[in-house]
Amino acid sequence: MKTCQATWEDEENNRHVELVVNYRLDNATRVEINHVTPTRVTFLCPSSGNPVRTIGVRTGGGRRLLARQVEAAGRLHSLKDDIAEGRVVEVHHPMPHVAATMQPVMQA
């Protein structure tokens, strides 16, 4: 499973929504999107198109609402194409995967 960052440009509402997308790439062509998480919204000035304000999306309800709007707008279909063609930024986690050992907390 891989993770990338993408943006949905919602021109109707003058905003850009930043997304974190978890996906799986099979045979270098087939993309299966597992989860889309909206993380930040930038509101744009309707006349100039310049950013006015940016807010983080922190609640589950806000993330679900924006994810449904992203899906309704058809961004998931174009997002699959962007991932397959390498037009997104892949997110690499700096922490190495380490095997954990169980430590007993309480003994009977």
N, C-alpha and C. Protein backbone atom coordinates (compact mmCIF):
# COMPACT_ATOMS: atom_id res chain seq x y z
N MET A 1 0.84 -1.17 0.00
CA MET A 1 0.00 0.00 0.00
C MET A 1 0.89 1.24 0.00
N LYS A 2 0.52 2.20 -0.81
CA LYS A 2 1.27 3.44 -0.94
C LYS A 2 0.38 4.62 -0.59
N THR A 3 1.01 5.74 -0.33
CA THR A 3 0.29 6.96 0.02
C THR A 3 0.80 8.11 -0.85
N CYS A 4 -0.12 8.94 -1.32
CA CYS A 4 0.28 10.11 -2.10
C CYS A 4 -0.56 11.31 -1.68
N GLN A 5 -0.09 12.48 -2.08
CA GLN A 5 -0.83 13.72 -1.87
C GLN A 5 -1.41 14.18 -3.19
N ALA A 6 -2.62 14.69 -3.14
CA ALA A 6 -3.27 15.20 -4.34
C ALA A 6 -4.11 16.41 -3.95
N THR A 7 -4.63 17.11 -4.96
CA THR A 7 -5.46 18.29 -4.71
C THR A 7 -6.72 18.20 -5.57
N TRP A 8 -7.83 18.59 -4.98
CA TRP A 8 -9.08 18.73 -5.73
C TRP A 8 -9.34 20.22 -5.83
N GLU A 9 -9.41 20.72 -7.05
CA GLU A 9 -9.68 22.14 -7.29
C GLU A 9 -11.17 22.30 -7.52
N ASP A 10 -11.86 22.73 -6.50
CA ASP A 10 -13.31 22.93 -6.53
C ASP A 10 -13.58 24.35 -7.00
N GLU A 11 -13.66 24.54 -8.31
CA GLU A 11 -13.82 25.88 -8.88
C GLU A 11 -15.18 26.48 -8.57
N GLU A 12 -16.19 25.62 -8.43
CA GLU A 12 -17.54 26.11 -8.15
C GLU A 12 -17.61 26.82 -6.80
N ASN A 13 -16.85 26.34 -5.82
CA ASN A 13 -16.85 26.92 -4.48
C ASN A 13 -15.58 27.69 -4.15
N ASN A 14 -14.75 27.96 -5.15
CA ASN A 14 -13.53 28.75 -4.98
C ASN A 14 -12.64 28.21 -3.85
N ARG A 15 -12.27 26.94 -3.97
CA ARG A 15 -11.42 26.34 -2.94
C ARG A 15 -10.58 25.21 -3.53
N HIS A 16 -9.47 24.94 -2.87
CA HIS A 16 -8.63 23.79 -3.17
C HIS A 16 -8.64 22.90 -1.93
N VAL A 17 -8.86 21.62 -2.13
CA VAL A 17 -8.88 20.67 -1.02
C VAL A 17 -7.68 19.74 -1.18
N GLU A 18 -6.81 19.71 -0.17
CA GLU A 18 -5.66 18.82 -0.19
C GLU A 18 -6.08 17.46 0.34
N LEU A 19 -5.62 16.41 -0.36
CA LEU A 19 -6.02 15.04 -0.04
C LEU A 19 -4.80 14.17 0.22
N VAL A 20 -4.95 13.22 1.12
CA VAL A 20 -3.98 12.14 1.29
C VAL A 20 -4.69 10.88 0.82
N VAL A 21 -4.10 10.19 -0.14
CA VAL A 21 -4.74 9.04 -0.78
C VAL A 21 -3.92 7.77 -0.51
N ASN A 22 -4.58 6.77 0.06
CA ASN A 22 -3.96 5.45 0.22
C ASN A 22 -4.42 4.60 -0.96
N TYR A 23 -3.47 3.98 -1.65
CA TYR A 23 -3.82 3.24 -2.85
C TYR A 23 -2.90 2.03 -3.02
N ARG A 24 -3.32 1.16 -3.91
CA ARG A 24 -2.53 0.00 -4.29
C ARG A 24 -2.41 0.02 -5.81
N LEU A 25 -1.20 -0.22 -6.28
CA LEU A 25 -0.93 -0.21 -7.72
C LEU A 25 -0.59 -1.65 -8.14
N ASP A 26 -1.44 -2.23 -8.98
CA ASP A 26 -1.23 -3.60 -9.46
C ASP A 26 -0.76 -3.59 -10.90
N ASN A 27 0.31 -4.31 -11.17
CA ASN A 27 0.85 -4.46 -12.53
C ASN A 27 1.17 -3.12 -13.19
N ALA A 28 1.47 -2.12 -12.39
CA ALA A 28 1.89 -0.79 -12.84
C ALA A 28 0.84 -0.06 -13.68
N THR A 29 -0.38 -0.58 -13.76
CA THR A 29 -1.41 0.11 -14.53
C THR A 29 -2.74 0.21 -13.78
N ARG A 30 -3.10 -0.79 -13.03
CA ARG A 30 -4.39 -0.81 -12.35
C ARG A 30 -4.25 -0.19 -10.96
N VAL A 31 -5.04 0.83 -10.68
CA VAL A 31 -4.98 1.55 -9.41
C VAL A 31 -6.25 1.26 -8.62
N GLU A 32 -6.06 0.85 -7.37
CA GLU A 32 -7.18 0.63 -6.46
C GLU A 32 -7.03 1.61 -5.30
N ILE A 33 -7.96 2.55 -5.19
CA ILE A 33 -7.92 3.54 -4.12
C ILE A 33 -8.62 2.95 -2.91
N ASN A 34 -7.89 2.89 -1.79
CA ASN A 34 -8.45 2.33 -0.56
C ASN A 34 -9.10 3.38 0.31
N HIS A 35 -8.49 4.56 0.39
CA HIS A 35 -9.00 5.58 1.30
C HIS A 35 -8.54 6.96 0.85
N VAL A 36 -9.43 7.93 0.96
CA VAL A 36 -9.10 9.33 0.66
C VAL A 36 -9.40 10.16 1.90
N THR A 37 -8.40 10.92 2.36
CA THR A 37 -8.56 11.75 3.56
C THR A 37 -8.29 13.21 3.22
N PRO A 38 -9.31 14.07 3.24
CA PRO A 38 -9.09 15.50 3.08
C PRO A 38 -8.35 16.04 4.31
N THR A 39 -7.30 16.81 4.10
CA THR A 39 -6.50 17.29 5.23
C THR A 39 -6.52 18.82 5.40
N ARG A 40 -6.71 19.56 4.29
CA ARG A 40 -6.66 21.02 4.38
C ARG A 40 -7.47 21.62 3.25
N VAL A 41 -8.11 22.76 3.53
CA VAL A 41 -8.90 23.49 2.54
C VAL A 41 -8.35 24.90 2.43
N THR A 42 -8.06 25.33 1.20
CA THR A 42 -7.63 26.69 0.94
C THR A 42 -8.74 27.41 0.18
N PHE A 43 -9.25 28.47 0.76
CA PHE A 43 -10.31 29.25 0.12
C PHE A 43 -9.66 30.33 -0.74
N LEU A 44 -10.23 30.52 -1.94
CA LEU A 44 -9.67 31.46 -2.91
C LEU A 44 -10.58 32.66 -3.09
N CYS A 45 -9.99 33.79 -3.40
CA CYS A 45 -10.74 34.99 -3.73
C CYS A 45 -11.46 34.75 -5.06
N PRO A 46 -12.78 34.97 -5.13
CA PRO A 46 -13.52 34.71 -6.37
C PRO A 46 -13.05 35.56 -7.56
N SER A 47 -12.59 36.78 -7.30
CA SER A 47 -12.21 37.65 -8.41
C SER A 47 -10.77 37.45 -8.86
N SER A 48 -9.85 37.32 -7.91
CA SER A 48 -8.43 37.22 -8.28
C SER A 48 -7.91 35.78 -8.31
N GLY A 49 -8.56 34.88 -7.57
CA GLY A 49 -8.08 33.50 -7.50
C GLY A 49 -6.94 33.31 -6.52
N ASN A 50 -6.59 34.36 -5.77
CA ASN A 50 -5.51 34.26 -4.79
C ASN A 50 -6.02 33.62 -3.50
N PRO A 51 -5.15 32.88 -2.80
CA PRO A 51 -5.56 32.27 -1.53
C PRO A 51 -5.93 33.33 -0.51
N VAL A 52 -7.05 33.10 0.19
CA VAL A 52 -7.53 34.03 1.21
C VAL A 52 -7.27 33.44 2.60
N ARG A 53 -7.58 32.15 2.76
CA ARG A 53 -7.48 31.52 4.07
C ARG A 53 -7.31 30.02 3.88
N THR A 54 -6.53 29.40 4.76
CA THR A 54 -6.35 27.96 4.75
C THR A 54 -6.69 27.42 6.13
N ILE A 55 -7.50 26.35 6.14
CA ILE A 55 -7.86 25.72 7.41
C ILE A 55 -7.61 24.21 7.32
N GLY A 56 -7.28 23.62 8.44
CA GLY A 56 -7.10 22.17 8.50
C GLY A 56 -8.43 21.48 8.69
N VAL A 57 -8.54 20.27 8.18
CA VAL A 57 -9.74 19.46 8.36
C VAL A 57 -9.43 18.46 9.47
N ARG A 58 -9.99 18.67 10.63
CA ARG A 58 -9.59 17.87 11.80
C ARG A 58 -10.66 16.91 12.29
N THR A 59 -11.91 17.14 11.95
CA THR A 59 -12.97 16.28 12.48
C THR A 59 -13.35 15.20 11.48
N GLY A 60 -13.81 14.09 12.00
CA GLY A 60 -14.25 12.99 11.15
C GLY A 60 -15.42 13.38 10.26
N GLY A 61 -16.35 14.16 10.82
CA GLY A 61 -17.50 14.60 10.03
C GLY A 61 -17.10 15.49 8.87
N GLY A 62 -16.18 16.41 9.10
CA GLY A 62 -15.69 17.27 8.03
C GLY A 62 -14.97 16.49 6.95
N ARG A 63 -14.19 15.51 7.35
CA ARG A 63 -13.47 14.68 6.38
C ARG A 63 -14.43 13.84 5.56
N ARG A 64 -15.45 13.27 6.22
CA ARG A 64 -16.44 12.47 5.47
C ARG A 64 -17.20 13.34 4.48
N LEU A 65 -17.61 14.53 4.90
CA LEU A 65 -18.35 15.44 4.03
C LEU A 65 -17.53 15.80 2.79
N LEU A 66 -16.28 16.20 3.01
CA LEU A 66 -15.42 16.56 1.88
C LEU A 66 -15.11 15.36 0.99
N ALA A 67 -14.91 14.19 1.59
CA ALA A 67 -14.63 12.98 0.79
C ALA A 67 -15.82 12.65 -0.10
N ARG A 68 -17.04 12.81 0.41
CA ARG A 68 -18.23 12.57 -0.42
C ARG A 68 -18.31 13.58 -1.57
N GLN A 69 -17.95 14.84 -1.29
CA GLN A 69 -17.97 15.86 -2.34
C GLN A 69 -16.91 15.59 -3.39
N VAL A 70 -15.74 15.12 -2.98
CA VAL A 70 -14.67 14.75 -3.92
C VAL A 70 -15.16 13.64 -4.83
N GLU A 71 -15.80 12.64 -4.25
CA GLU A 71 -16.31 11.51 -5.04
C GLU A 71 -17.42 11.95 -5.98
N ALA A 72 -18.34 12.78 -5.48
CA ALA A 72 -19.46 13.25 -6.32
C ALA A 72 -18.97 14.09 -7.49
N ALA A 73 -17.86 14.79 -7.31
CA ALA A 73 -17.31 15.63 -8.37
C ALA A 73 -16.55 14.82 -9.43
N GLY A 74 -16.35 13.53 -9.17
CA GLY A 74 -15.65 12.69 -10.14
C GLY A 74 -14.13 12.74 -10.03
N ARG A 75 -13.62 13.32 -8.97
CA ARG A 75 -12.17 13.45 -8.83
C ARG A 75 -11.48 12.10 -8.64
N LEU A 76 -12.18 11.10 -8.09
CA LEU A 76 -11.56 9.79 -7.87
C LEU A 76 -11.17 9.12 -9.19
N HIS A 77 -11.99 9.31 -10.23
CA HIS A 77 -11.67 8.72 -11.53
C HIS A 77 -10.42 9.35 -12.13
N SER A 78 -10.36 10.69 -12.09
CA SER A 78 -9.17 11.35 -12.63
C SER A 78 -7.96 11.13 -11.74
N LEU A 79 -8.19 10.91 -10.45
CA LEU A 79 -7.10 10.63 -9.52
C LEU A 79 -6.44 9.29 -9.83
N LYS A 80 -7.24 8.31 -10.20
CA LYS A 80 -6.68 7.01 -10.60
C LYS A 80 -5.76 7.17 -11.81
N ASP A 81 -6.18 7.98 -12.77
CA ASP A 81 -5.34 8.24 -13.95
C ASP A 81 -4.06 8.96 -13.57
N ASP A 82 -4.17 9.95 -12.67
CA ASP A 82 -2.98 10.69 -12.23
C ASP A 82 -1.98 9.76 -11.54
N ILE A 83 -2.47 8.85 -10.71
CA ILE A 83 -1.58 7.92 -10.01
C ILE A 83 -0.92 6.97 -11.00
N ALA A 84 -1.70 6.43 -11.92
CA ALA A 84 -1.16 5.48 -12.90
C ALA A 84 -0.10 6.12 -13.79
N GLU A 85 -0.25 7.41 -14.07
CA GLU A 85 0.70 8.11 -14.94
C GLU A 85 1.80 8.82 -14.16
N GLY A 86 1.81 8.68 -12.83
CA GLY A 86 2.87 9.25 -12.01
C GLY A 86 2.81 10.75 -11.83
N ARG A 87 1.62 11.34 -11.87
CA ARG A 87 1.49 12.79 -11.74
C ARG A 87 1.13 13.23 -10.32
N VAL A 88 1.38 12.39 -9.33
CA VAL A 88 1.13 12.74 -7.94
C VAL A 88 2.41 12.61 -7.14
N VAL A 89 2.43 13.22 -5.97
CA VAL A 89 3.61 13.17 -5.11
C VAL A 89 3.41 12.04 -4.11
N GLU A 90 4.30 11.04 -4.16
CA GLU A 90 4.20 9.93 -3.22
C GLU A 90 4.76 10.36 -1.87
N VAL A 91 4.09 9.97 -0.81
CA VAL A 91 4.49 10.33 0.54
C VAL A 91 5.30 9.17 1.11
N HIS A 92 6.52 9.47 1.54
CA HIS A 92 7.37 8.47 2.17
C HIS A 92 7.44 8.77 3.66
N HIS A 93 7.20 7.77 4.47
CA HIS A 93 7.26 7.96 5.91
C HIS A 93 8.70 7.76 6.37
N PRO A 94 9.28 8.73 7.09
CA PRO A 94 10.69 8.66 7.47
C PRO A 94 11.00 7.60 8.52
N MET A 95 9.99 7.14 9.25
CA MET A 95 10.25 6.16 10.29
C MET A 95 10.40 4.77 9.69
N PRO A 96 11.48 4.07 10.01
CA PRO A 96 11.64 2.70 9.50
C PRO A 96 10.68 1.76 10.21
N HIS A 97 10.30 0.70 9.52
CA HIS A 97 9.45 -0.32 10.11
C HIS A 97 10.31 -1.21 10.99
N VAL A 98 9.94 -1.32 12.25
CA VAL A 98 10.72 -2.09 13.20
C VAL A 98 9.82 -3.17 13.78
N ALA A 99 10.35 -4.39 13.87
CA ALA A 99 9.58 -5.47 14.47
C ALA A 99 9.45 -5.21 15.96
N ALA A 100 8.23 -5.26 16.46
CA ALA A 100 7.98 -4.99 17.87
C ALA A 100 7.91 -6.30 18.64
N THR A 101 8.33 -6.25 19.87
CA THR A 101 8.20 -7.41 20.75
C THR A 101 7.20 -7.08 21.83
N MET A 102 6.45 -8.06 22.22
CA MET A 102 5.43 -7.88 23.25
C MET A 102 6.09 -7.84 24.62
N GLN A 103 5.69 -6.88 25.41
CA GLN A 103 6.17 -6.76 26.78
C GLN A 103 4.99 -7.00 27.71
N PRO A 104 5.11 -7.97 28.60
CA PRO A 104 4.00 -8.21 29.52
C PRO A 104 3.78 -7.03 30.45
N VAL A 105 2.54 -6.61 30.56
CA VAL A 105 2.21 -5.48 31.41
C VAL A 105 1.84 -5.98 32.81
N MET A 106 1.13 -7.07 32.84
CA MET A 106 0.66 -7.59 34.11
C MET A 106 0.77 -9.10 34.09
N GLN A 107 1.22 -9.68 35.16
CA GLN A 107 1.27 -11.13 35.27
C GLN A 107 0.33 -11.59 36.35
N ALA A 108 -0.36 -12.68 36.08
CA ALA A 108 -1.32 -13.21 37.05
C ALA A 108 -0.65 -14.10 38.06
